[in-house]
């Protein structure tokens, strides 16, 4: 017979195994591996973070072409030269690792703007720089340092990824129309009385409140999962969440 203590231990170990498969943890544990799975995990993380880095470089004074070249060259250097072997797990988050690495990359390899040359043949990641430039020019003219801009764009990127993930879940359950009706309560676009939306959609007000509550719960859970992918220790998730909301203030 299995004791309660054994069951508790199994649940605890299962949780650790689940976390051990998250992207940043896996990449750190196998930084010197040739496994395609590790490369895929790293590529996924890089694709999530390329825009905050692009905006960071722009804030450092580089123009669009230079920022494109720097971002691609940085990822090429990161992936081809196995820079992760020098990562410091004690720093915790992939966000901190990338920002420090990009700052060092600029200082070591691109000291003067006149040394920048187009390196368009090193397309390590498929990035839509037309969209990146549009997003950058459309951002509010807020007086932020390059580092603060990176933090803000990182936070917005995480929120966007979370929204997409939750939308996918609703679509897979055949409830995409319900998500479209309710998502305004997540994004802040909808803050009117429930009665008005209930009347417009034909839903009962009580059912609408429950659906919104469940959506917010699912969004919160997914947000934690998105953050968990980018830290090594699950204990760091709460601190990263705090940093995310601070970046948006």
C-alpha atoms as a PDB file:
ATOM      1  CA  UNK A   1       0.000   0.000   0.000  1.00  0.00           C
ATOM      2  CA  UNK A   2       1.274   3.465  -0.890  1.00  0.00           C
ATOM      3  CA  UNK A   3       1.421   5.910   1.993  1.00  0.00           C
ATOM      4  CA  UNK A   4       0.220   9.525   1.893  1.00  0.00           C
ATOM      5  CA  UNK A   5       3.854  10.588   2.216  1.00  0.00           C
ATOM      6  CA  UNK A   6       4.787   8.522  -0.840  1.00  0.00           C
ATOM      7  CA  UNK A   7       1.917  10.058  -2.807  1.00  0.00           C
ATOM      8  CA  UNK A   8       2.992  13.531  -1.730  1.00  0.00           C
ATOM      9  CA  UNK A   9       6.568  12.801  -2.763  1.00  0.00           C
ATOM     10  CA  UNK A  10       5.432  11.493  -6.148  1.00  0.00           C
ATOM     11  CA  UNK A  11       3.373  14.596  -6.788  1.00  0.00           C
ATOM     12  CA  UNK A  12       6.314  16.791  -5.814  1.00  0.00           C
ATOM     13  CA  UNK A  13       8.710  14.897  -8.075  1.00  0.00           C
ATOM     14  CA  UNK A  14       6.210  14.996 -10.921  1.00  0.00           C
ATOM     15  CA  UNK A  15       6.049  18.761 -10.600  1.00  0.00           C
ATOM     16  CA  UNK A  16       9.822  18.949 -10.748  1.00  0.00           C
ATOM     17  CA  UNK A  17       9.900  16.770 -13.862  1.00  0.00           C
ATOM     18  CA  UNK A  18       7.335  18.986 -15.566  1.00  0.00           C
ATOM     19  CA  UNK A  19       9.359  22.086 -14.804  1.00  0.00           C
ATOM     20  CA  UNK A  20      12.595  20.433 -15.910  1.00  0.00           C
ATOM     21  CA  UNK A  21      11.227  20.270 -19.461  1.00  0.00           C
ATOM     22  CA  UNK A  22      10.643  24.007 -19.771  1.00  0.00           C
ATOM     23  CA  UNK A  23      12.632  25.715 -22.479  1.00  0.00           C
ATOM     24  CA  UNK A  24      15.240  27.716 -20.536  1.00  0.00           C
ATOM     25  CA  UNK A  25      15.859  24.960 -18.010  1.00  0.00           C
ATOM     26  CA  UNK A  26      16.376  22.408 -20.778  1.00  0.00           C
ATOM     27  CA  UNK A  27      18.690  24.705 -22.713  1.00  0.00           C
ATOM     28  CA  UNK A  28      20.827  25.387 -19.643  1.00  0.00           C
ATOM     29  CA  UNK A  29      21.060  21.733 -18.702  1.00  0.00           C
ATOM     30  CA  UNK A  30      22.174  20.774 -22.201  1.00  0.00           C
ATOM     31  CA  UNK A  31      24.052  23.870 -23.330  1.00  0.00           C
ATOM     32  CA  UNK A  32      26.861  21.838 -24.825  1.00  0.00           C
ATOM     33  CA  UNK A  33      24.575  19.238 -26.381  1.00  0.00           C
ATOM     34  CA  UNK A  34      24.100  18.671 -30.099  1.00  0.00           C
ATOM     35  CA  UNK A  35      20.475  17.674 -29.557  1.00  0.00           C
ATOM     36  CA  UNK A  36      18.048  19.139 -32.065  1.00  0.00           C
ATOM     37  CA  UNK A  37      15.523  19.399 -29.246  1.00  0.00           C
ATOM     38  CA  UNK A  38      17.772  21.826 -27.410  1.00  0.00           C
ATOM     39  CA  UNK A  39      18.246  23.896 -30.553  1.00  0.00           C
ATOM     40  CA  UNK A  40      14.493  23.999 -31.093  1.00  0.00           C
ATOM     41  CA  UNK A  41      13.911  25.121 -27.513  1.00  0.00           C
ATOM     42  CA  UNK A  42      16.500  27.867 -27.852  1.00  0.00           C
ATOM     43  CA  UNK A  43      15.087  28.989 -31.195  1.00  0.00           C
ATOM     44  CA  UNK A  44      11.609  29.190 -29.645  1.00  0.00           C
ATOM     45  CA  UNK A  45      12.890  31.366 -26.831  1.00  0.00           C
ATOM     46  CA  UNK A  46      14.822  33.591 -29.230  1.00  0.00           C
ATOM     47  CA  UNK A  47      11.757  34.103 -31.416  1.00  0.00           C
ATOM     48  CA  UNK A  48       9.827  35.232 -28.351  1.00  0.00           C
ATOM     49  CA  UNK A  49      12.495  37.768 -27.444  1.00  0.00           C
ATOM     50  CA  UNK A  50      13.742  39.111 -30.750  1.00  0.00           C
ATOM     51  CA  UNK A  51      11.523  42.198 -30.785  1.00  0.00           C
ATOM     52  CA  UNK A  52      12.454  43.436 -27.278  1.00  0.00           C
ATOM     53  CA  UNK A  53      16.113  43.068 -28.316  1.00  0.00           C
ATOM     54  CA  UNK A  54      15.524  44.840 -31.642  1.00  0.00           C
ATOM     55  CA  UNK A  55      13.840  47.736 -29.804  1.00  0.00           C
ATOM     56  CA  UNK A  56      16.694  47.757 -27.268  1.00  0.00           C
ATOM     57  CA  UNK A  57      19.239  48.179 -30.070  1.00  0.00           C
ATOM     58  CA  UNK A  58      17.180  50.962 -31.652  1.00  0.00           C
ATOM     59  CA  UNK A  59      17.073  52.746 -28.302  1.00  0.00           C
ATOM     60  CA  UNK A  60      20.848  52.500 -28.170  1.00  0.00           C
ATOM     61  CA  UNK A  61      20.924  54.818 -31.198  1.00  0.00           C
ATOM     62  CA  UNK A  62      21.205  52.412 -34.130  1.00  0.00           C
ATOM     63  CA  UNK A  63      19.028  52.870 -37.202  1.00  0.00           C
ATOM     64  CA  UNK A  64      16.697  50.277 -38.662  1.00  0.00           C
ATOM     65  CA  UNK A  65      19.217  48.532 -40.928  1.00  0.00           C
ATOM     66  CA  UNK A  66      21.878  48.470 -38.235  1.00  0.00           C
ATOM     67  CA  UNK A  67      19.415  47.120 -35.671  1.00  0.00           C
ATOM     68  CA  UNK A  68      18.310  44.361 -38.060  1.00  0.00           C
ATOM     69  CA  UNK A  69      21.903  43.385 -38.694  1.00  0.00           C
ATOM     70  CA  UNK A  70      22.837  43.488 -35.026  1.00  0.00           C
ATOM     71  CA  UNK A  71      19.879  41.375 -33.959  1.00  0.00           C
ATOM     72  CA  UNK A  72      20.479  38.702 -36.582  1.00  0.00           C
ATOM     73  CA  UNK A  73      24.218  38.695 -35.958  1.00  0.00           C
ATOM     74  CA  UNK A  74      23.648  38.399 -32.209  1.00  0.00           C
ATOM     75  CA  UNK A  75      21.421  35.346 -32.600  1.00  0.00           C
ATOM     76  CA  UNK A  76      23.835  33.830 -35.111  1.00  0.00           C
ATOM     77  CA  UNK A  77      26.657  34.294 -32.595  1.00  0.00           C
ATOM     78  CA  UNK A  78      24.525  32.893 -29.775  1.00  0.00           C
ATOM     79  CA  UNK A  79      23.469  29.784 -31.684  1.00  0.00           C
ATOM     80  CA  UNK A  80      26.594  29.035 -33.710  1.00  0.00           C
ATOM     81  CA  UNK A  81      29.202  29.628 -30.999  1.00  0.00           C
ATOM     82  CA  UNK A  82      27.306  27.947 -28.158  1.00  0.00           C
ATOM     83  CA  UNK A  83      27.407  30.996 -25.923  1.00  0.00           C
ATOM     84  CA  UNK A  84      25.018  29.269 -23.551  1.00  0.00           C
ATOM     85  CA  UNK A  85      27.929  27.269 -22.194  1.00  0.00           C
ATOM     86  CA  UNK A  86      28.913  30.497 -20.438  1.00  0.00           C
ATOM     87  CA  UNK A  87      25.436  31.276 -19.101  1.00  0.00           C
ATOM     88  CA  UNK A  88      25.140  31.861 -15.384  1.00  0.00           C
ATOM     89  CA  UNK A  89      22.223  29.847 -14.010  1.00  0.00           C
ATOM     90  CA  UNK A  90      22.312  31.982 -10.868  1.00  0.00           C
ATOM     91  CA  UNK A  91      20.968  34.882 -12.928  1.00  0.00           C
ATOM     92  CA  UNK A  92      17.785  32.887 -13.287  1.00  0.00           C
ATOM     93  CA  UNK A  93      15.905  34.271 -16.253  1.00  0.00           C
ATOM     94  CA  UNK A  94      16.466  34.049 -19.968  1.00  0.00           C
ATOM     95  CA  UNK A  95      15.522  37.738 -20.087  1.00  0.00           C
ATOM     96  CA  UNK A  96      18.492  38.739 -17.916  1.00  0.00           C
ATOM     97  CA  UNK A  97      20.840  36.479 -19.855  1.00  0.00           C
ATOM     98  CA  UNK A  98      19.794  37.939 -23.217  1.00  0.00           C
ATOM     99  CA  UNK A  99      20.002  41.572 -22.142  1.00  0.00           C
ATOM    100  CA  UNK A 100      23.474  41.147 -20.669  1.00  0.00           C
ATOM    101  CA  UNK A 101      24.624  39.146 -23.691  1.00  0.00           C
ATOM    102  CA  UNK A 102      23.342  41.714 -26.182  1.00  0.00           C
ATOM    103  CA  UNK A 103      24.972  44.577 -24.265  1.00  0.00           C
ATOM    104  CA  UNK A 104      28.288  42.724 -24.300  1.00  0.00           C
ATOM    105  CA  UNK A 105      27.858  41.842 -27.966  1.00  0.00           C
ATOM    106  CA  UNK A 106      27.414  45.496 -28.903  1.00  0.00           C
ATOM    107  CA  UNK A 107      30.376  46.562 -26.780  1.00  0.00           C
ATOM    108  CA  UNK A 108      32.703  43.848 -28.079  1.00  0.00           C
ATOM    109  CA  UNK A 109      31.777  43.592 -31.727  1.00  0.00           C
ATOM    110  CA  UNK A 110      30.076  46.819 -32.782  1.00  0.00           C
ATOM    111  CA  UNK A 111      31.967  49.571 -30.991  1.00  0.00           C
ATOM    112  CA  UNK A 112      31.517  52.210 -33.661  1.00  0.00           C
ATOM    113  CA  UNK A 113      28.604  52.670 -36.016  1.00  0.00           C
ATOM    114  CA  UNK A 114      30.976  53.092 -38.942  1.00  0.00           C
ATOM    115  CA  UNK A 115      32.068  49.464 -38.494  1.00  0.00           C
ATOM    116  CA  UNK A 116      28.564  48.144 -39.097  1.00  0.00           C
ATOM    117  CA  UNK A 117      28.132  46.376 -42.391  1.00  0.00           C
ATOM    118  CA  UNK A 118      25.102  44.647 -43.744  1.00  0.00           C
ATOM    119  CA  UNK A 119      25.126  40.980 -42.818  1.00  0.00           C
ATOM    120  CA  UNK A 120      21.852  39.917 -44.352  1.00  0.00           C
ATOM    121  CA  UNK A 121      23.153  36.494 -45.327  1.00  0.00           C
ATOM    122  CA  UNK A 122      23.133  35.354 -41.689  1.00  0.00           C
ATOM    123  CA  UNK A 123      19.377  34.834 -41.356  1.00  0.00           C
ATOM    124  CA  UNK A 124      19.366  32.570 -38.333  1.00  0.00           C
ATOM    125  CA  UNK A 125      15.776  33.406 -37.364  1.00  0.00           C
ATOM    126  CA  UNK A 126      12.850  34.215 -39.613  1.00  0.00           C
ATOM    127  CA  UNK A 127      11.980  37.712 -38.434  1.00  0.00           C
ATOM    128  CA  UNK A 128       9.555  40.200 -40.004  1.00  0.00           C
ATOM    129  CA  UNK A 129      11.560  43.390 -39.706  1.00  0.00           C
ATOM    130  CA  UNK A 130       8.965  45.379 -41.637  1.00  0.00           C
ATOM    131  CA  UNK A 131       6.577  44.658 -38.789  1.00  0.00           C
ATOM    132  CA  UNK A 132       9.318  45.348 -36.239  1.00  0.00           C
ATOM    133  CA  UNK A 133      10.005  48.788 -37.650  1.00  0.00           C
ATOM    134  CA  UNK A 134       6.289  49.596 -37.725  1.00  0.00           C
ATOM    135  CA  UNK A 135       5.852  48.461 -34.129  1.00  0.00           C
ATOM    136  CA  UNK A 136       8.844  50.502 -33.039  1.00  0.00           C
ATOM    137  CA  UNK A 137       7.750  53.720 -34.757  1.00  0.00           C
ATOM    138  CA  UNK A 138       4.192  53.326 -33.456  1.00  0.00           C
ATOM    139  CA  UNK A 139       5.251  52.970 -29.839  1.00  0.00           C
ATOM    140  CA  UNK A 140       4.346  55.907 -27.590  1.00  0.00           C
ATOM    141  CA  UNK A 141       7.130  58.444 -27.267  1.00  0.00           C
ATOM    142  CA  UNK A 142       7.933  57.519 -23.674  1.00  0.00           C
ATOM    143  CA  UNK A 143      11.222  58.682 -22.202  1.00  0.00           C
ATOM    144  CA  UNK A 144      12.731  55.292 -21.381  1.00  0.00           C
ATOM    145  CA  UNK A 145      16.295  54.083 -21.289  1.00  0.00           C
ATOM    146  CA  UNK A 146      17.186  51.254 -23.652  1.00  0.00           C
ATOM    147  CA  UNK A 147      17.097  48.841 -20.709  1.00  0.00           C
ATOM    148  CA  UNK A 148      13.684  50.067 -19.538  1.00  0.00           C
ATOM    149  CA  UNK A 149      12.367  49.831 -23.090  1.00  0.00           C
ATOM    150  CA  UNK A 150      13.604  46.253 -23.276  1.00  0.00           C
ATOM    151  CA  UNK A 151      11.826  45.409 -20.013  1.00  0.00           C
ATOM    152  CA  UNK A 152       8.578  46.981 -21.212  1.00  0.00           C
ATOM    153  CA  UNK A 153       8.675  45.243 -24.578  1.00  0.00           C
ATOM    154  CA  UNK A 154       9.505  41.963 -22.862  1.00  0.00           C
ATOM    155  CA  UNK A 155       6.441  42.352 -20.650  1.00  0.00           C
ATOM    156  CA  UNK A 156       4.193  43.207 -23.601  1.00  0.00           C
ATOM    157  CA  UNK A 157       5.580  40.236 -25.529  1.00  0.00           C
ATOM    158  CA  UNK A 158       4.794  37.851 -22.669  1.00  0.00           C
ATOM    159  CA  UNK A 159       1.249  39.206 -22.383  1.00  0.00           C
ATOM    160  CA  UNK A 160       0.746  38.856 -26.129  1.00  0.00           C
ATOM    161  CA  UNK A 161       2.012  35.263 -26.120  1.00  0.00           C
ATOM    162  CA  UNK A 162      -0.291  34.480 -23.208  1.00  0.00           C
ATOM    163  CA  UNK A 163      -3.310  35.908 -25.007  1.00  0.00           C
ATOM    164  CA  UNK A 164      -2.515  33.886 -28.136  1.00  0.00           C
ATOM    165  CA  UNK A 165      -2.099  30.697 -26.085  1.00  0.00           C
ATOM    166  CA  UNK A 166      -5.454  31.193 -24.330  1.00  0.00           C
ATOM    167  CA  UNK A 167      -7.161  31.983 -27.625  1.00  0.00           C
ATOM    168  CA  UNK A 168      -5.769  28.749 -29.066  1.00  0.00           C
ATOM    169  CA  UNK A 169      -7.180  26.819 -26.115  1.00  0.00           C
ATOM    170  CA  UNK A 170     -10.648  28.255 -26.697  1.00  0.00           C
ATOM    171  CA  UNK A 171     -10.434  27.534 -30.413  1.00  0.00           C
ATOM    172  CA  UNK A 172      -9.438  23.925 -29.760  1.00  0.00           C
ATOM    173  CA  UNK A 173     -12.492  23.596 -27.510  1.00  0.00           C
ATOM    174  CA  UNK A 174     -14.750  25.055 -30.200  1.00  0.00           C
ATOM    175  CA  UNK A 175     -15.299  28.231 -28.169  1.00  0.00           C
ATOM    176  CA  UNK A 176     -13.510  30.815 -30.274  1.00  0.00           C
ATOM    177  CA  UNK A 177     -16.657  32.966 -30.525  1.00  0.00           C
ATOM    178  CA  UNK A 178     -16.948  33.023 -26.742  1.00  0.00           C
ATOM    179  CA  UNK A 179     -13.317  34.108 -26.460  1.00  0.00           C
ATOM    180  CA  UNK A 180     -13.895  36.930 -28.963  1.00  0.00           C
ATOM    181  CA  UNK A 181     -16.822  38.137 -26.873  1.00  0.00           C
ATOM    182  CA  UNK A 182     -14.963  38.003 -23.570  1.00  0.00           C
ATOM    183  CA  UNK A 183     -11.380  38.988 -24.392  1.00  0.00           C
ATOM    184  CA  UNK A 184     -12.131  42.656 -23.864  1.00  0.00           C
ATOM    185  CA  UNK A 185     -12.344  41.919 -20.138  1.00  0.00           C
ATOM    186  CA  UNK A 186      -8.697  40.829 -20.290  1.00  0.00           C
ATOM    187  CA  UNK A 187      -7.313  43.626 -22.427  1.00  0.00           C
ATOM    188  CA  UNK A 188      -9.218  46.431 -20.713  1.00  0.00           C
ATOM    189  CA  UNK A 189     -11.195  47.289 -23.823  1.00  0.00           C
ATOM    190  CA  UNK A 190     -14.395  46.175 -22.099  1.00  0.00           C
ATOM    191  CA  UNK A 191     -15.242  47.531 -18.677  1.00  0.00           C
ATOM    192  CA  UNK A 192     -18.931  48.239 -18.959  1.00  0.00           C
ATOM    193  CA  UNK A 193     -21.716  46.549 -16.983  1.00  0.00           C
ATOM    194  CA  UNK A 194     -22.138  42.830 -17.550  1.00  0.00           C
ATOM    195  CA  UNK A 195     -25.840  43.419 -18.192  1.00  0.00           C
ATOM    196  CA  UNK A 196     -25.146  45.341 -21.400  1.00  0.00           C
ATOM    197  CA  UNK A 197     -22.918  42.648 -22.886  1.00  0.00           C
ATOM    198  CA  UNK A 198     -25.280  39.915 -21.717  1.00  0.00           C
ATOM    199  CA  UNK A 199     -28.145  41.609 -23.539  1.00  0.00           C
ATOM    200  CA  UNK A 200     -26.040  42.043 -26.674  1.00  0.00           C
ATOM    201  CA  UNK A 201     -24.905  38.399 -26.747  1.00  0.00           C
ATOM    202  CA  UNK A 202     -28.024  36.700 -25.487  1.00  0.00           C
ATOM    203  CA  UNK A 203     -26.156  35.232 -22.502  1.00  0.00           C
ATOM    204  CA  UNK A 204     -27.537  35.364 -19.013  1.00  0.00           C
ATOM    205  CA  UNK A 205     -25.693  37.871 -16.856  1.00  0.00           C
ATOM    206  CA  UNK A 206     -24.764  35.238 -14.275  1.00  0.00           C
ATOM    207  CA  UNK A 207     -23.390  32.904 -16.950  1.00  0.00           C
ATOM    208  CA  UNK A 208     -21.409  35.775 -18.439  1.00  0.00           C
ATOM    209  CA  UNK A 209     -19.810  36.591 -15.077  1.00  0.00           C
ATOM    210  CA  UNK A 210     -18.808  32.961 -14.601  1.00  0.00           C
ATOM    211  CA  UNK A 211     -17.342  32.794 -18.121  1.00  0.00           C
ATOM    212  CA  UNK A 212     -15.298  35.948 -17.533  1.00  0.00           C
ATOM    213  CA  UNK A 213     -14.052  34.596 -14.205  1.00  0.00           C
ATOM    214  CA  UNK A 214     -12.960  31.348 -15.834  1.00  0.00           C
ATOM    215  CA  UNK A 215     -11.237  33.212 -18.658  1.00  0.00           C
ATOM    216  CA  UNK A 216      -9.277  35.337 -16.199  1.00  0.00           C
ATOM    217  CA  UNK A 217      -8.281  32.249 -14.237  1.00  0.00           C
ATOM    218  CA  UNK A 218      -7.090  30.509 -17.396  1.00  0.00           C
ATOM    219  CA  UNK A 219      -5.217  33.627 -18.477  1.00  0.00           C
ATOM    220  CA  UNK A 220      -3.473  33.868 -15.104  1.00  0.00           C
ATOM    221  CA  UNK A 221      -2.469  30.219 -15.218  1.00  0.00           C
ATOM    222  CA  UNK A 222      -1.162  30.559 -18.765  1.00  0.00           C
ATOM    223  CA  UNK A 223       0.773  33.696 -17.856  1.00  0.00           C
ATOM    224  CA  UNK A 224       2.619  31.764 -15.159  1.00  0.00           C
ATOM    225  CA  UNK A 225       3.345  28.973 -17.654  1.00  0.00           C
ATOM    226  CA  UNK A 226       4.766  31.448 -20.166  1.00  0.00           C
ATOM    227  CA  UNK A 227       7.036  32.943 -17.506  1.00  0.00           C
ATOM    228  CA  UNK A 228       8.046  29.500 -16.251  1.00  0.00           C
ATOM    229  CA  UNK A 229       9.526  28.718 -19.665  1.00  0.00           C
ATOM    230  CA  UNK A 230      12.061  31.485 -19.212  1.00  0.00           C
ATOM    231  CA  UNK A 231      13.395  30.814 -15.708  1.00  0.00           C
ATOM    232  CA  UNK A 232      15.439  27.961 -14.341  1.00  0.00           C
ATOM    233  CA  UNK A 233      13.931  27.743 -10.862  1.00  0.00           C
ATOM    234  CA  UNK A 234      10.128  27.705 -10.344  1.00  0.00           C
ATOM    235  CA  UNK A 235      10.685  29.855  -7.282  1.00  0.00           C
ATOM    236  CA  UNK A 236      11.644  32.691  -9.651  1.00  0.00           C
ATOM    237  CA  UNK A 237       8.237  32.833 -11.359  1.00  0.00           C
ATOM    238  CA  UNK A 238       6.672  35.157  -8.780  1.00  0.00           C
ATOM    239  CA  UNK A 239       9.611  37.565  -8.965  1.00  0.00           C
ATOM    240  CA  UNK A 240       9.420  37.605 -12.761  1.00  0.00           C
ATOM    241  CA  UNK A 241       5.695  38.331 -12.559  1.00  0.00           C
ATOM    242  CA  UNK A 242       6.437  41.237 -10.231  1.00  0.00           C
ATOM    243  CA  UNK A 243       9.053  42.512 -12.671  1.00  0.00           C
ATOM    244  CA  UNK A 244       6.582  42.199 -15.539  1.00  0.00           C
ATOM    245  CA  UNK A 245       3.968  44.387 -13.882  1.00  0.00           C
ATOM    246  CA  UNK A 246       6.603  46.891 -12.758  1.00  0.00           C
ATOM    247  CA  UNK A 247       7.805  47.193 -16.358  1.00  0.00           C
ATOM    248  CA  UNK A 248       4.304  48.208 -17.431  1.00  0.00           C
ATOM    249  CA  UNK A 249       3.867  50.956 -14.834  1.00  0.00           C
END
